[in-house]
Amino acid sequence: MPLLEWSDALVLDMPVMDATHEEFVVLLAEVEAAGDEALVERWRALVAHTEEHFGREDEWMRATGFAPNNCHSTQHAVVLNVMREGLQREGPDQLAMIRTMAGELAPWFVQHAQAMDAALALHLRSVDFDPARGIVRAPQALPATPMTHCGAGRCVTA
């Protein structure tokens, strides 16, 4: 049984975000289940997904009033850099490192999704943001000053 399974507890009622998060959960499970011969390739697929996933959320934040160095985007950058380290090593150390990182990603993701991403989804709904088109339908609801936190009024970190 994977360390993380998709459940209603991860649903944020934002279909684009939920589909991306569900894909992350599936790819992480594939990493966990992979034998040594397939592990690096499965990890590479998870890293590629995560680059796109975090990049999209970061774009949404920029479009809706977050400062470039907000804590949510910073956490994305840190986690992605750590994940990329798993592709830089070779041999048995690499496999062990990837397996350790995969085990750490599951609880991190739950906390991140339920705190930071939930706050982001709430913010996106508050400005009537259309993620498919990148359009803010309620520009009057955008923050007057760039947000440096995660969207919940304060920064929630792992």
C-alpha atoms as a PDB file:
ATOM      1  CA  MET A   1       0.000   0.000   0.000  1.00  0.00           C
ATOM      2  CA  PRO A   2       1.465   3.403  -0.984  1.00  0.00           C
ATOM      3  CA  LEU A   3       2.332   5.925   1.719  1.00  0.00           C
ATOM      4  CA  LEU A   4      -0.057   8.385   0.091  1.00  0.00           C
ATOM      5  CA  GLU A   5      -3.341   7.659  -1.634  1.00  0.00           C
ATOM      6  CA  TRP A   6      -5.703  10.112  -3.271  1.00  0.00           C
ATOM      7  CA  SER A   7      -8.658  10.865  -1.010  1.00  0.00           C
ATOM      8  CA  ASP A   8     -11.347  13.457  -0.361  1.00  0.00           C
ATOM      9  CA  ALA A   9      -9.045  14.966   2.279  1.00  0.00           C
ATOM     10  CA  LEU A  10      -6.846  16.243  -0.573  1.00  0.00           C
ATOM     11  CA  VAL A  11      -9.655  17.666  -2.730  1.00  0.00           C
ATOM     12  CA  LEU A  12      -9.588  21.475  -2.878  1.00  0.00           C
ATOM     13  CA  ASP A  13     -12.643  21.986  -5.130  1.00  0.00           C
ATOM     14  CA  MET A  14     -10.480  23.492  -7.841  1.00  0.00           C
ATOM     15  CA  PRO A  15     -10.571  20.919 -10.676  1.00  0.00           C
ATOM     16  CA  VAL A  16      -7.303  21.895 -12.392  1.00  0.00           C
ATOM     17  CA  MET A  17      -5.406  21.868  -9.094  1.00  0.00           C
ATOM     18  CA  ASP A  18      -7.091  18.663  -7.924  1.00  0.00           C
ATOM     19  CA  ALA A  19      -6.243  16.830 -11.163  1.00  0.00           C
ATOM     20  CA  THR A  20      -2.607  17.925 -10.891  1.00  0.00           C
ATOM     21  CA  HIS A  21      -2.437  16.845  -7.262  1.00  0.00           C
ATOM     22  CA  GLU A  22      -3.997  13.478  -8.045  1.00  0.00           C
ATOM     23  CA  GLU A  23      -1.404  12.947 -10.771  1.00  0.00           C
ATOM     24  CA  PHE A  24       1.349  13.776  -8.253  1.00  0.00           C
ATOM     25  CA  VAL A  25      -0.052  11.131  -5.871  1.00  0.00           C
ATOM     26  CA  VAL A  26      -0.148   8.525  -8.660  1.00  0.00           C
ATOM     27  CA  LEU A  27       3.409   9.301  -9.790  1.00  0.00           C
ATOM     28  CA  LEU A  28       4.706   9.168  -6.223  1.00  0.00           C
ATOM     29  CA  ALA A  29       3.061   5.754  -5.787  1.00  0.00           C
ATOM     30  CA  GLU A  30       4.787   4.593  -8.980  1.00  0.00           C
ATOM     31  CA  VAL A  31       8.130   5.713  -7.534  1.00  0.00           C
ATOM     32  CA  GLU A  32       7.434   3.830  -4.308  1.00  0.00           C
ATOM     33  CA  ALA A  33       6.476   0.659  -6.195  1.00  0.00           C
ATOM     34  CA  ALA A  34       9.364   0.790  -8.693  1.00  0.00           C
ATOM     35  CA  GLY A  35      12.125  -1.760  -8.642  1.00  0.00           C
ATOM     36  CA  ASP A  36      15.710  -0.581  -8.749  1.00  0.00           C
ATOM     37  CA  GLU A  37      15.859  -0.795 -12.558  1.00  0.00           C
ATOM     38  CA  ALA A  38      12.883   1.577 -13.023  1.00  0.00           C
ATOM     39  CA  LEU A  39      13.296   3.826  -9.988  1.00  0.00           C
ATOM     40  CA  VAL A  40      15.337   6.634 -11.554  1.00  0.00           C
ATOM     41  CA  GLU A  41      13.041   6.870 -14.579  1.00  0.00           C
ATOM     42  CA  ARG A  42       9.929   6.992 -12.362  1.00  0.00           C
ATOM     43  CA  TRP A  43      11.617   9.662 -10.207  1.00  0.00           C
ATOM     44  CA  ARG A  44      12.496  11.629 -13.346  1.00  0.00           C
ATOM     45  CA  ALA A  45       8.795  11.561 -14.345  1.00  0.00           C
ATOM     46  CA  LEU A  46       7.780  12.785 -10.879  1.00  0.00           C
ATOM     47  CA  VAL A  47      10.349  15.601 -10.998  1.00  0.00           C
ATOM     48  CA  ALA A  48       9.151  16.673 -14.471  1.00  0.00           C
ATOM     49  CA  HIS A  49       5.539  16.659 -13.277  1.00  0.00           C
ATOM     50  CA  THR A  50       6.483  18.634 -10.156  1.00  0.00           C
ATOM     51  CA  GLU A  51       8.361  21.261 -12.188  1.00  0.00           C
ATOM     52  CA  GLU A  52       5.233  21.857 -14.260  1.00  0.00           C
ATOM     53  CA  HIS A  53       2.898  21.569 -11.249  1.00  0.00           C
ATOM     54  CA  PHE A  54       4.794  24.072  -9.105  1.00  0.00           C
ATOM     55  CA  GLY A  55       5.456  26.341 -12.083  1.00  0.00           C
ATOM     56  CA  ARG A  56       1.749  26.554 -12.832  1.00  0.00           C
ATOM     57  CA  GLU A  57       0.850  27.348  -9.225  1.00  0.00           C
ATOM     58  CA  ASP A  58       3.628  29.951  -9.095  1.00  0.00           C
ATOM     59  CA  GLU A  59       2.220  31.575 -12.253  1.00  0.00           C
ATOM     60  CA  TRP A  60      -1.232  31.689 -10.679  1.00  0.00           C
ATOM     61  CA  MET A  61       0.215  33.349  -7.592  1.00  0.00           C
ATOM     62  CA  ARG A  62       2.043  35.985  -9.665  1.00  0.00           C
ATOM     63  CA  ALA A  63      -1.141  36.677 -11.645  1.00  0.00           C
ATOM     64  CA  THR A  64      -3.216  37.155  -8.503  1.00  0.00           C
ATOM     65  CA  GLY A  65      -1.085  39.384  -6.328  1.00  0.00           C
ATOM     66  CA  PHE A  66       1.586  37.316  -4.617  1.00  0.00           C
ATOM     67  CA  ALA A  67       5.069  38.773  -4.207  1.00  0.00           C
ATOM     68  CA  PRO A  68       7.755  36.877  -6.178  1.00  0.00           C
ATOM     69  CA  ASN A  69       9.381  35.663  -2.958  1.00  0.00           C
ATOM     70  CA  ASN A  70       6.242  34.570  -1.106  1.00  0.00           C
ATOM     71  CA  CYS A  71       6.667  31.624   1.253  1.00  0.00           C
ATOM     72  CA  HIS A  72       4.525  29.276  -0.878  1.00  0.00           C
ATOM     73  CA  SER A  73       6.687  29.763  -3.970  1.00  0.00           C
ATOM     74  CA  THR A  74       9.821  29.566  -1.843  1.00  0.00           C
ATOM     75  CA  GLN A  75       8.714  26.201  -0.491  1.00  0.00           C
ATOM     76  CA  HIS A  76       8.111  25.005  -4.061  1.00  0.00           C
ATOM     77  CA  ALA A  77      11.659  26.012  -5.031  1.00  0.00           C
ATOM     78  CA  VAL A  78      13.245  24.317  -2.031  1.00  0.00           C
ATOM     79  CA  VAL A  79      11.349  21.036  -2.463  1.00  0.00           C
ATOM     80  CA  LEU A  80      12.018  20.946  -6.199  1.00  0.00           C
ATOM     81  CA  ASN A  81      15.744  21.559  -5.694  1.00  0.00           C
ATOM     82  CA  VAL A  82      15.900  18.689  -3.221  1.00  0.00           C
ATOM     83  CA  MET A  83      14.012  16.426  -5.635  1.00  0.00           C
ATOM     84  CA  ARG A  84      16.449  17.298  -8.429  1.00  0.00           C
ATOM     85  CA  GLU A  85      19.338  16.135  -6.233  1.00  0.00           C
ATOM     86  CA  GLY A  86      18.013  12.609  -6.692  1.00  0.00           C
ATOM     87  CA  LEU A  87      18.828  12.866 -10.394  1.00  0.00           C
ATOM     88  CA  GLN A  88      22.371  14.122  -9.836  1.00  0.00           C
ATOM     89  CA  ARG A  89      23.801  11.086  -8.081  1.00  0.00           C
ATOM     90  CA  GLU A  90      24.544   7.701  -9.564  1.00  0.00           C
ATOM     91  CA  GLY A  91      24.679   4.159  -8.270  1.00  0.00           C
ATOM     92  CA  PRO A  92      23.296   2.631  -5.084  1.00  0.00           C
ATOM     93  CA  ASP A  93      23.489   5.925  -3.190  1.00  0.00           C
ATOM     94  CA  GLN A  94      21.133   7.457  -5.735  1.00  0.00           C
ATOM     95  CA  LEU A  95      18.545   4.714  -5.295  1.00  0.00           C
ATOM     96  CA  ALA A  96      18.645   4.980  -1.511  1.00  0.00           C
ATOM     97  CA  MET A  97      18.396   8.767  -1.701  1.00  0.00           C
ATOM     98  CA  ILE A  98      15.371   8.641  -4.016  1.00  0.00           C
ATOM     99  CA  ARG A  99      13.591   6.098  -1.809  1.00  0.00           C
ATOM    100  CA  THR A 100      14.205   8.268   1.257  1.00  0.00           C
ATOM    101  CA  MET A 101      12.979  11.396  -0.523  1.00  0.00           C
ATOM    102  CA  ALA A 102       9.858   9.600  -1.767  1.00  0.00           C
ATOM    103  CA  GLY A 103       9.063   8.561   1.790  1.00  0.00           C
ATOM    104  CA  GLU A 104       9.433  12.154   2.974  1.00  0.00           C
ATOM    105  CA  LEU A 105       7.365  13.611   0.130  1.00  0.00           C
ATOM    106  CA  ALA A 106       4.156  11.815   1.120  1.00  0.00           C
ATOM    107  CA  PRO A 107       3.616  13.506   4.507  1.00  0.00           C
ATOM    108  CA  TRP A 108       5.017  16.801   3.208  1.00  0.00           C
ATOM    109  CA  PHE A 109       2.552  16.807   0.317  1.00  0.00           C
ATOM    110  CA  VAL A 110      -0.465  16.213   2.550  1.00  0.00           C
ATOM    111  CA  GLN A 111       0.487  19.142   4.771  1.00  0.00           C
ATOM    112  CA  HIS A 112       1.341  21.373   1.806  1.00  0.00           C
ATOM    113  CA  ALA A 113      -1.905  20.606  -0.024  1.00  0.00           C
ATOM    114  CA  GLN A 114      -4.117  20.994   3.043  1.00  0.00           C
ATOM    115  CA  ALA A 115      -2.481  24.234   4.182  1.00  0.00           C
ATOM    116  CA  MET A 116      -0.720  26.210   1.459  1.00  0.00           C
ATOM    117  CA  ASP A 117      -2.602  24.907  -1.571  1.00  0.00           C
ATOM    118  CA  ALA A 118      -5.962  25.093   0.221  1.00  0.00           C
ATOM    119  CA  ALA A 119      -5.209  28.740   1.034  1.00  0.00           C
ATOM    120  CA  LEU A 120      -4.177  29.360  -2.572  1.00  0.00           C
ATOM    121  CA  ALA A 121      -7.373  27.757  -3.882  1.00  0.00           C
ATOM    122  CA  LEU A 122      -9.427  29.938  -1.541  1.00  0.00           C
ATOM    123  CA  HIS A 123      -7.555  33.038  -2.732  1.00  0.00           C
ATOM    124  CA  LEU A 124      -8.015  32.086  -6.391  1.00  0.00           C
ATOM    125  CA  ARG A 125     -11.744  31.672  -5.844  1.00  0.00           C
ATOM    126  CA  SER A 126     -11.892  35.027  -4.015  1.00  0.00           C
ATOM    127  CA  VAL A 127     -10.564  36.841  -7.098  1.00  0.00           C
ATOM    128  CA  ASP A 128     -12.614  34.613  -9.434  1.00  0.00           C
ATOM    129  CA  PHE A 129      -9.481  33.346 -11.160  1.00  0.00           C
ATOM    130  CA  ASP A 130      -9.911  31.146 -14.234  1.00  0.00           C
ATOM    131  CA  PRO A 131      -6.833  28.875 -14.134  1.00  0.00           C
ATOM    132  CA  ALA A 132      -7.464  27.497 -17.620  1.00  0.00           C
ATOM    133  CA  ARG A 133      -7.218  30.961 -19.177  1.00  0.00           C
ATOM    134  CA  GLY A 134      -5.185  32.783 -16.533  1.00  0.00           C
ATOM    135  CA  ILE A 135      -7.859  35.440 -16.167  1.00  0.00           C
ATOM    136  CA  VAL A 136      -8.814  37.291 -12.986  1.00  0.00           C
ATOM    137  CA  ARG A 137     -12.545  38.021 -13.274  1.00  0.00           C
ATOM    138  CA  ALA A 138     -12.697  40.105 -10.086  1.00  0.00           C
ATOM    139  CA  PRO A 139      -9.652  42.392 -10.307  1.00  0.00           C
ATOM    140  CA  GLN A 140     -11.155  44.630  -7.623  1.00  0.00           C
ATOM    141  CA  ALA A 141     -10.603  41.736  -5.175  1.00  0.00           C
ATOM    142  CA  LEU A 142      -6.854  41.547  -5.842  1.00  0.00           C
ATOM    143  CA  PRO A 143      -4.711  42.493  -2.837  1.00  0.00           C
ATOM    144  CA  ALA A 144      -3.594  46.133  -2.658  1.00  0.00           C
ATOM    145  CA  THR A 145      -0.031  45.087  -1.860  1.00  0.00           C
ATOM    146  CA  PRO A 146       1.779  41.906  -2.940  1.00  0.00           C
ATOM    147  CA  MET A 147       1.173  38.969  -0.628  1.00  0.00           C
ATOM    148  CA  THR A 148       4.316  37.492   0.914  1.00  0.00           C
ATOM    149  CA  HIS A 149       2.576  34.702   2.804  1.00  0.00           C
ATOM    150  CA  CYS A 150       0.879  31.584   1.464  1.00  0.00           C
ATOM    151  CA  GLY A 151      -2.589  33.076   1.117  1.00  0.00           C
ATOM    152  CA  ALA A 152      -3.968  32.239   4.548  1.00  0.00           C
ATOM    153  CA  GLY A 153      -3.036  35.514   6.197  1.00  0.00           C
ATOM    154  CA  ARG A 154       0.196  34.071   7.566  1.00  0.00           C
ATOM    155  CA  CYS A 155       2.793  31.649   6.335  1.00  0.00           C
ATOM    156  CA  VAL A 156       2.150  28.022   7.184  1.00  0.00           C
ATOM    157  CA  THR A 157       5.276  25.923   6.791  1.00  0.00           C
ATOM    158  CA  ALA A 158       6.019  22.241   6.980  1.00  0.00           C
END
